Amino acid sequence: MDWNLLVSSLGPLWGGALLGTIPLSLASFALGLVLALLLALARMSSIVPLAALARLIISIVRGTPMLVQLFVIFYGLPSIGVVLPPWPSAIIALSINVGGYAAEVIRAAILSVPAGQWEAGYTVGMSRVTTLRRVILPQAARVSVPPLSNTFISLVKDTSLAATILVTELFREAQRIAAFSNEFMLIYIEAAAIYWIICLVLSTAQGRIEKRLDRYVAHA
């Protein structure tokens, strides 16, 4: 084992994680949640064409590989005159993927709130939108935290696909170092260990958040 390479590669790999993987994950997750909420509300709409369109979008996103979605945006759109740099392409593709999966999570969380909560909001003079924003969504958020946390952890790992369109993140740095040093096994195992550490930290944080939410619900 080349210990010098192992140590010297830590900086670039962690740099790729902190400056590429984490920001890419956060940006994509934030935009994906907005899209997921819109799709969830559209899916629940009484307007049949709108609900059907939301179901179609969710089905397409969930039924196609993320790598294909990424390639369609980065390599496919230029054929119709839309050229996007690697970073925006990756954020758009990852956000759409998160939106498709998280939409069903959010929809299920909203439906889990008792119907009486809607009626309580209407009783005090709230409109449907205000009731949704101030009464329903806060309760749905507590229910959706565990599955959405798992979605974010999966997203962190999925950002490695962005290396295929030249986004400089953790896996892209690993590819660069491995190609230069010809130590593929060592570098890729090192990159895998960093992904594992990041996901372990996120899983630990998720567990603590869930415990706090459980205590909050127990005393509510």
C-alpha atoms as a PDB file:
ATOM      1  CA  MET A   1       0.000   0.000   0.000  1.00  0.00           C
ATOM      2  CA  ASP A   2       1.291   3.457  -0.938  1.00  0.00           C
ATOM      3  CA  TRP A   3       0.862   5.331   2.342  1.00  0.00           C
ATOM      4  CA  ASN A   4       2.191   8.572   0.907  1.00  0.00           C
ATOM      5  CA  LEU A   5      -0.451   8.519  -1.813  1.00  0.00           C
ATOM      6  CA  LEU A   6      -3.113   7.600   0.724  1.00  0.00           C
ATOM      7  CA  VAL A   7      -2.273  10.627   2.873  1.00  0.00           C
ATOM      8  CA  SER A   8      -1.658  13.063   0.023  1.00  0.00           C
ATOM      9  CA  SER A   9      -4.959  12.225  -1.643  1.00  0.00           C
ATOM     10  CA  LEU A  10      -7.021  12.930   1.469  1.00  0.00           C
ATOM     11  CA  GLY A  11      -6.945  16.687   0.885  1.00  0.00           C
ATOM     12  CA  PRO A  12      -8.203  16.638  -2.720  1.00  0.00           C
ATOM     13  CA  LEU A  13     -10.809  13.974  -1.951  1.00  0.00           C
ATOM     14  CA  TRP A  14     -12.222  15.785   1.062  1.00  0.00           C
ATOM     15  CA  GLY A  15     -12.045  19.016  -0.936  1.00  0.00           C
ATOM     16  CA  GLY A  16     -14.164  17.386  -3.618  1.00  0.00           C
ATOM     17  CA  ALA A  17     -16.623  16.259  -0.945  1.00  0.00           C
ATOM     18  CA  LEU A  18     -16.894  19.586   0.879  1.00  0.00           C
ATOM     19  CA  LEU A  19     -16.808  21.838  -2.189  1.00  0.00           C
ATOM     20  CA  GLY A  20     -18.634  19.577  -4.617  1.00  0.00           C
ATOM     21  CA  THR A  21     -20.610  16.677  -3.180  1.00  0.00           C
ATOM     22  CA  ILE A  22     -22.160  18.442  -0.177  1.00  0.00           C
ATOM     23  CA  PRO A  23     -23.136  21.717  -1.952  1.00  0.00           C
ATOM     24  CA  LEU A  24     -24.501  19.730  -4.895  1.00  0.00           C
ATOM     25  CA  SER A  25     -26.549  17.578  -2.523  1.00  0.00           C
ATOM     26  CA  LEU A  26     -27.925  20.531  -0.561  1.00  0.00           C
ATOM     27  CA  ALA A  27     -28.873  22.568  -3.629  1.00  0.00           C
ATOM     28  CA  SER A  28     -30.489  19.615  -5.377  1.00  0.00           C
ATOM     29  CA  PHE A  29     -32.377  18.532  -2.262  1.00  0.00           C
ATOM     30  CA  ALA A  30     -33.726  22.019  -1.573  1.00  0.00           C
ATOM     31  CA  LEU A  31     -34.973  22.471  -5.142  1.00  0.00           C
ATOM     32  CA  GLY A  32     -36.213  18.885  -5.204  1.00  0.00           C
ATOM     33  CA  LEU A  33     -38.348  19.451  -2.095  1.00  0.00           C
ATOM     34  CA  VAL A  34     -40.007  22.471  -3.704  1.00  0.00           C
ATOM     35  CA  LEU A  35     -40.760  20.417  -6.813  1.00  0.00           C
ATOM     36  CA  ALA A  36     -41.946  17.500  -4.653  1.00  0.00           C
ATOM     37  CA  LEU A  37     -44.385  19.712  -2.755  1.00  0.00           C
ATOM     38  CA  LEU A  38     -45.814  21.100  -5.995  1.00  0.00           C
ATOM     39  CA  LEU A  39     -46.160  17.611  -7.470  1.00  0.00           C
ATOM     40  CA  ALA A  40     -47.751  16.286  -4.279  1.00  0.00           C
ATOM     41  CA  LEU A  41     -50.334  19.074  -4.230  1.00  0.00           C
ATOM     42  CA  ALA A  42     -51.007  18.627  -7.943  1.00  0.00           C
ATOM     43  CA  ARG A  43     -51.348  14.884  -7.400  1.00  0.00           C
ATOM     44  CA  MET A  44     -54.026  15.574  -4.768  1.00  0.00           C
ATOM     45  CA  SER A  45     -55.811  18.190  -6.857  1.00  0.00           C
ATOM     46  CA  SER A  46     -59.452  17.777  -7.830  1.00  0.00           C
ATOM     47  CA  ILE A  47     -58.510  19.074 -11.286  1.00  0.00           C
ATOM     48  CA  VAL A  48     -58.247  15.808 -13.186  1.00  0.00           C
ATOM     49  CA  PRO A  49     -55.796  16.910 -15.949  1.00  0.00           C
ATOM     50  CA  LEU A  50     -53.456  18.460 -13.356  1.00  0.00           C
ATOM     51  CA  ALA A  51     -53.514  15.349 -11.169  1.00  0.00           C
ATOM     52  CA  ALA A  52     -52.960  13.135 -14.213  1.00  0.00           C
ATOM     53  CA  LEU A  53     -49.993  15.243 -15.333  1.00  0.00           C
ATOM     54  CA  ALA A  54     -48.439  15.021 -11.860  1.00  0.00           C
ATOM     55  CA  ARG A  55     -48.886  11.238 -11.838  1.00  0.00           C
ATOM     56  CA  LEU A  56     -47.253  11.005 -15.274  1.00  0.00           C
ATOM     57  CA  ILE A  57     -44.252  13.104 -14.234  1.00  0.00           C
ATOM     58  CA  ILE A  58     -43.759  11.094 -11.047  1.00  0.00           C
ATOM     59  CA  SER A  59     -44.049   7.831 -12.954  1.00  0.00           C
ATOM     60  CA  ILE A  60     -41.472   8.895 -15.557  1.00  0.00           C
ATOM     61  CA  VAL A  61     -38.995  10.110 -12.937  1.00  0.00           C
ATOM     62  CA  ARG A  62     -39.340   7.012 -10.764  1.00  0.00           C
ATOM     63  CA  GLY A  63     -39.345   4.654 -13.750  1.00  0.00           C
ATOM     64  CA  THR A  64     -36.146   5.826 -15.440  1.00  0.00           C
ATOM     65  CA  PRO A  65     -32.512   5.627 -14.230  1.00  0.00           C
ATOM     66  CA  MET A  66     -31.017   8.812 -12.837  1.00  0.00           C
ATOM     67  CA  LEU A  67     -27.996   8.404 -15.110  1.00  0.00           C
ATOM     68  CA  VAL A  68     -30.281   8.489 -18.155  1.00  0.00           C
ATOM     69  CA  GLN A  69     -32.005  11.615 -16.816  1.00  0.00           C
ATOM     70  CA  LEU A  70     -28.611  13.234 -16.307  1.00  0.00           C
ATOM     71  CA  PHE A  71     -27.488  12.397 -19.841  1.00  0.00           C
ATOM     72  CA  VAL A  72     -30.744  13.640 -21.372  1.00  0.00           C
ATOM     73  CA  ILE A  73     -30.235  17.035 -19.759  1.00  0.00           C
ATOM     74  CA  PHE A  74     -26.490  17.406 -20.352  1.00  0.00           C
ATOM     75  CA  TYR A  75     -26.021  15.617 -23.679  1.00  0.00           C
ATOM     76  CA  GLY A  76     -29.565  15.580 -25.070  1.00  0.00           C
ATOM     77  CA  LEU A  77     -30.725  19.177 -24.637  1.00  0.00           C
ATOM     78  CA  PRO A  78     -27.892  20.635 -26.789  1.00  0.00           C
ATOM     79  CA  SER A  79     -29.462  18.842 -29.777  1.00  0.00           C
ATOM     80  CA  ILE A  80     -32.431  21.217 -29.476  1.00  0.00           C
ATOM     81  CA  GLY A  81     -30.279  24.259 -28.801  1.00  0.00           C
ATOM     82  CA  VAL A  82     -30.279  24.213 -24.987  1.00  0.00           C
ATOM     83  CA  VAL A  83     -26.714  24.015 -23.684  1.00  0.00           C
ATOM     84  CA  LEU A  84     -26.172  23.869 -19.926  1.00  0.00           C
ATOM     85  CA  PRO A  85     -22.860  23.723 -18.012  1.00  0.00           C
ATOM     86  CA  PRO A  86     -22.134  20.614 -15.918  1.00  0.00           C
ATOM     87  CA  TRP A  87     -23.134  22.046 -12.532  1.00  0.00           C
ATOM     88  CA  PRO A  88     -26.587  23.356 -13.513  1.00  0.00           C
ATOM     89  CA  SER A  89     -27.221  20.145 -15.465  1.00  0.00           C
ATOM     90  CA  ALA A  90     -26.399  18.028 -12.429  1.00  0.00           C
ATOM     91  CA  ILE A  91     -28.523  20.161 -10.089  1.00  0.00           C
ATOM     92  CA  ILE A  92     -31.511  20.044 -12.443  1.00  0.00           C
ATOM     93  CA  ALA A  93     -31.291  16.273 -12.952  1.00  0.00           C
ATOM     94  CA  LEU A  94     -30.807  15.506  -9.272  1.00  0.00           C
ATOM     95  CA  SER A  95     -33.571  17.921  -8.247  1.00  0.00           C
ATOM     96  CA  ILE A  96     -36.036  16.339 -10.657  1.00  0.00           C
ATOM     97  CA  ASN A  97     -35.150  12.897  -9.354  1.00  0.00           C
ATOM     98  CA  VAL A  98     -35.583  13.970  -5.739  1.00  0.00           C
ATOM     99  CA  GLY A  99     -38.862  15.656  -6.638  1.00  0.00           C
ATOM    100  CA  GLY A 100     -40.246  12.504  -8.208  1.00  0.00           C
ATOM    101  CA  TYR A 101     -39.461  10.324  -5.212  1.00  0.00           C
ATOM    102  CA  ALA A 102     -40.162  12.838  -2.445  1.00  0.00           C
ATOM    103  CA  ALA A 103     -43.530  13.832  -3.939  1.00  0.00           C
ATOM    104  CA  GLU A 104     -45.109  10.561  -2.860  1.00  0.00           C
ATOM    105  CA  VAL A 105     -43.549  10.874   0.589  1.00  0.00           C
ATOM    106  CA  ILE A 106     -44.984  14.348   1.052  1.00  0.00           C
ATOM    107  CA  ARG A 107     -48.382  13.340  -0.349  1.00  0.00           C
ATOM    108  CA  ALA A 108     -48.581  10.418   2.065  1.00  0.00           C
ATOM    109  CA  ALA A 109     -47.565  12.676   4.956  1.00  0.00           C
ATOM    110  CA  ILE A 110     -50.263  15.220   4.097  1.00  0.00           C
ATOM    111  CA  LEU A 111     -52.889  12.492   3.818  1.00  0.00           C
ATOM    112  CA  SER A 112     -51.833  11.134   7.220  1.00  0.00           C
ATOM    113  CA  VAL A 113     -52.994  14.343   8.913  1.00  0.00           C
ATOM    114  CA  PRO A 114     -56.543  13.802  10.265  1.00  0.00           C
ATOM    115  CA  ALA A 115     -59.291  15.453   8.219  1.00  0.00           C
ATOM    116  CA  GLY A 116     -60.430  17.187  11.391  1.00  0.00           C
ATOM    117  CA  GLN A 117     -57.361  19.411  11.206  1.00  0.00           C
ATOM    118  CA  TRP A 118     -58.648  20.880   7.937  1.00  0.00           C
ATOM    119  CA  GLU A 119     -62.042  21.461   9.519  1.00  0.00           C
ATOM    120  CA  ALA A 120     -60.432  23.107  12.544  1.00  0.00           C
ATOM    121  CA  GLY A 121     -58.625  25.547  10.274  1.00  0.00           C
ATOM    122  CA  TYR A 122     -61.812  26.399   8.409  1.00  0.00           C
ATOM    123  CA  THR A 123     -63.665  26.872  11.705  1.00  0.00           C
ATOM    124  CA  VAL A 124     -61.333  29.684  12.808  1.00  0.00           C
ATOM    125  CA  GLY A 125     -61.686  31.415   9.453  1.00  0.00           C
ATOM    126  CA  MET A 126     -58.578  30.182   7.662  1.00  0.00           C
ATOM    127  CA  SER A 127     -58.624  29.694   3.904  1.00  0.00           C
ATOM    128  CA  ARG A 128     -57.586  26.371   2.377  1.00  0.00           C
ATOM    129  CA  VAL A 129     -54.114  27.707   1.532  1.00  0.00           C
ATOM    130  CA  THR A 130     -53.596  29.180   5.004  1.00  0.00           C
ATOM    131  CA  THR A 131     -54.791  25.962   6.649  1.00  0.00           C
ATOM    132  CA  LEU A 132     -52.388  23.979   4.498  1.00  0.00           C
ATOM    133  CA  ARG A 133     -49.482  26.267   5.326  1.00  0.00           C
ATOM    134  CA  ARG A 134     -50.084  26.817   9.040  1.00  0.00           C
ATOM    135  CA  VAL A 135     -51.810  23.623  10.162  1.00  0.00           C
ATOM    136  CA  ILE A 136     -51.337  20.716   7.762  1.00  0.00           C
ATOM    137  CA  LEU A 137     -47.768  21.087   6.475  1.00  0.00           C
ATOM    138  CA  PRO A 138     -46.141  21.490   9.924  1.00  0.00           C
ATOM    139  CA  GLN A 139     -47.761  18.215  11.045  1.00  0.00           C
ATOM    140  CA  ALA A 140     -46.934  16.494   7.756  1.00  0.00           C
ATOM    141  CA  ALA A 141     -43.329  17.635   8.066  1.00  0.00           C
ATOM    142  CA  ARG A 142     -42.872  15.665  11.290  1.00  0.00           C
ATOM    143  CA  VAL A 143     -44.155  12.516   9.600  1.00  0.00           C
ATOM    144  CA  SER A 144     -42.021  12.955   6.495  1.00  0.00           C
ATOM    145  CA  VAL A 145     -38.680  13.602   8.225  1.00  0.00           C
ATOM    146  CA  PRO A 146     -37.490   9.950   8.371  1.00  0.00           C
ATOM    147  CA  PRO A 147     -38.165   9.047   4.715  1.00  0.00           C
ATOM    148  CA  LEU A 148     -36.930  12.422   3.442  1.00  0.00           C
ATOM    149  CA  SER A 149     -33.757  12.013   5.490  1.00  0.00           C
ATOM    150  CA  ASN A 150     -33.188   8.667   3.790  1.00  0.00           C
ATOM    151  CA  THR A 151     -33.769  10.354   0.430  1.00  0.00           C
ATOM    152  CA  PHE A 152     -31.091  12.935   1.227  1.00  0.00           C
ATOM    153  CA  ILE A 153     -28.588  10.275   2.270  1.00  0.00           C
ATOM    154  CA  SER A 154     -29.230   8.409  -0.979  1.00  0.00           C
ATOM    155  CA  LEU A 155     -28.826  11.675  -2.877  1.00  0.00           C
ATOM    156  CA  VAL A 156     -25.364  12.222  -1.387  1.00  0.00           C
ATOM    157  CA  LYS A 157     -24.274   8.901  -2.868  1.00  0.00           C
ATOM    158  CA  ASP A 158     -26.057   9.534  -6.161  1.00  0.00           C
ATOM    159  CA  THR A 159     -24.085  12.755  -6.708  1.00  0.00           C
ATOM    160  CA  SER A 160     -21.206  10.497  -7.775  1.00  0.00           C
ATOM    161  CA  LEU A 161     -23.063  10.125 -11.090  1.00  0.00           C
ATOM    162  CA  ALA A 162     -22.351  13.802 -11.755  1.00  0.00           C
ATOM    163  CA  ALA A 163     -18.741  12.808 -12.391  1.00  0.00           C
ATOM    164  CA  THR A 164     -19.916  11.381 -15.716  1.00  0.00           C
ATOM    165  CA  ILE A 165     -20.657  14.924 -16.922  1.00  0.00           C
ATOM    166  CA  LEU A 166     -17.403  16.352 -15.535  1.00  0.00           C
ATOM    167  CA  VAL A 167     -18.745  17.901 -12.320  1.00  0.00           C
ATOM    168  CA  THR A 168     -15.838  18.244  -9.898  1.00  0.00           C
ATOM    169  CA  GLU A 169     -16.969  16.413  -6.791  1.00  0.00           C
ATOM    170  CA  LEU A 170     -15.623  13.595  -4.623  1.00  0.00           C
ATOM    171  CA  PHE A 171     -15.800  10.771  -7.162  1.00  0.00           C
ATOM    172  CA  ARG A 172     -14.480  12.941  -9.975  1.00  0.00           C
ATOM    173  CA  GLU A 173     -11.455  13.783  -7.834  1.00  0.00           C
ATOM    174  CA  ALA A 174     -11.002  10.082  -7.119  1.00  0.00           C
ATOM    175  CA  GLN A 175     -11.050   9.331 -10.851  1.00  0.00           C
ATOM    176  CA  ARG A 176      -8.472  12.021 -11.516  1.00  0.00           C
ATOM    177  CA  ILE A 177      -6.092  10.849  -8.784  1.00  0.00           C
ATOM    178  CA  ALA A 178      -6.510   7.169  -9.696  1.00  0.00           C
ATOM    179  CA  ALA A 179      -5.789   7.830 -13.370  1.00  0.00           C
ATOM    180  CA  PHE A 180      -2.668   9.818 -12.494  1.00  0.00           C
ATOM    181  CA  SER A 181      -1.306   7.375  -9.895  1.00  0.00           C
ATOM    182  CA  ASN A 182      -2.617   4.138 -11.436  1.00  0.00           C
ATOM    183  CA  GLU A 183      -3.693   3.089  -7.912  1.00  0.00           C
ATOM    184  CA  PHE A 184      -7.367   2.507  -8.659  1.00  0.00           C
ATOM    185  CA  MET A 185      -8.134   0.097  -5.821  1.00  0.00           C
ATOM    186  CA  LEU A 186      -6.561   2.280  -3.144  1.00  0.00           C
ATOM    187  CA  ILE A 187      -8.125   5.546  -4.268  1.00  0.00           C
ATOM    188  CA  TYR A 188     -11.597   4.171  -4.896  1.00  0.00           C
ATOM    189  CA  ILE A 189     -11.660   2.452  -1.509  1.00  0.00           C
ATOM    190  CA  GLU A 190     -10.546   5.733   0.043  1.00  0.00           C
ATOM    191  CA  ALA A 191     -13.359   7.574  -1.759  1.00  0.00           C
ATOM    192  CA  ALA A 192     -15.848   4.917  -0.624  1.00  0.00           C
ATOM    193  CA  ALA A 193     -14.688   5.395   2.976  1.00  0.00           C
ATOM    194  CA  ILE A 194     -15.325   9.144   2.730  1.00  0.00           C
ATOM    195  CA  TYR A 195     -18.825   8.557   1.358  1.00  0.00           C
ATOM    196  CA  TRP A 196     -19.418   6.146   4.237  1.00  0.00           C
ATOM    197  CA  ILE A 197     -18.228   8.677   6.834  1.00  0.00           C
ATOM    198  CA  ILE A 198     -20.489  11.383   5.412  1.00  0.00           C
ATOM    199  CA  CYS A 199     -23.497   9.059   5.354  1.00  0.00           C
ATOM    200  CA  LEU A 200     -22.709   7.834   8.869  1.00  0.00           C
ATOM    201  CA  VAL A 201     -22.727  11.414  10.159  1.00  0.00           C
ATOM    202  CA  LEU A 202     -26.007  12.111   8.360  1.00  0.00           C
ATOM    203  CA  SER A 203     -27.570   8.895   9.696  1.00  0.00           C
ATOM    204  CA  THR A 204     -26.553   9.822  13.240  1.00  0.00           C
ATOM    205  CA  ALA A 205     -28.045  13.300  12.816  1.00  0.00           C
ATOM    206  CA  GLN A 206     -31.214  11.734  11.412  1.00  0.00           C
ATOM    207  CA  GLY A 207     -31.558   9.494  14.459  1.00  0.00           C
ATOM    208  CA  ARG A 208     -31.237  12.438  16.847  1.00  0.00           C
ATOM    209  CA  ILE A 209     -33.797  14.487  14.913  1.00  0.00           C
ATOM    210  CA  GLU A 210     -36.253  11.605  14.953  1.00  0.00           C
ATOM    211  CA  LYS A 211     -35.850  11.193  18.730  1.00  0.00           C
ATOM    212  CA  ARG A 212     -36.553  14.887  19.281  1.00  0.00           C
ATOM    213  CA  LEU A 213     -39.607  14.720  17.055  1.00  0.00           C
ATOM    214  CA  ASP A 214     -40.837  11.650  18.940  1.00  0.00           C
ATOM    215  CA  ARG A 215     -40.542  13.523  22.242  1.00  0.00           C
ATOM    216  CA  TYR A 216     -42.312  16.532  20.746  1.00  0.00           C
ATOM    217  CA  VAL A 217     -45.197  14.415  19.463  1.00  0.00           C
ATOM    218  CA  ALA A 218     -45.429  12.568  22.813  1.00  0.00           C
ATOM    219  CA  HIS A 219     -45.874  15.852  24.687  1.00  0.00           C
ATOM    220  CA  ALA A 220     -48.138  17.449  22.067  1.00  0.00           C
END
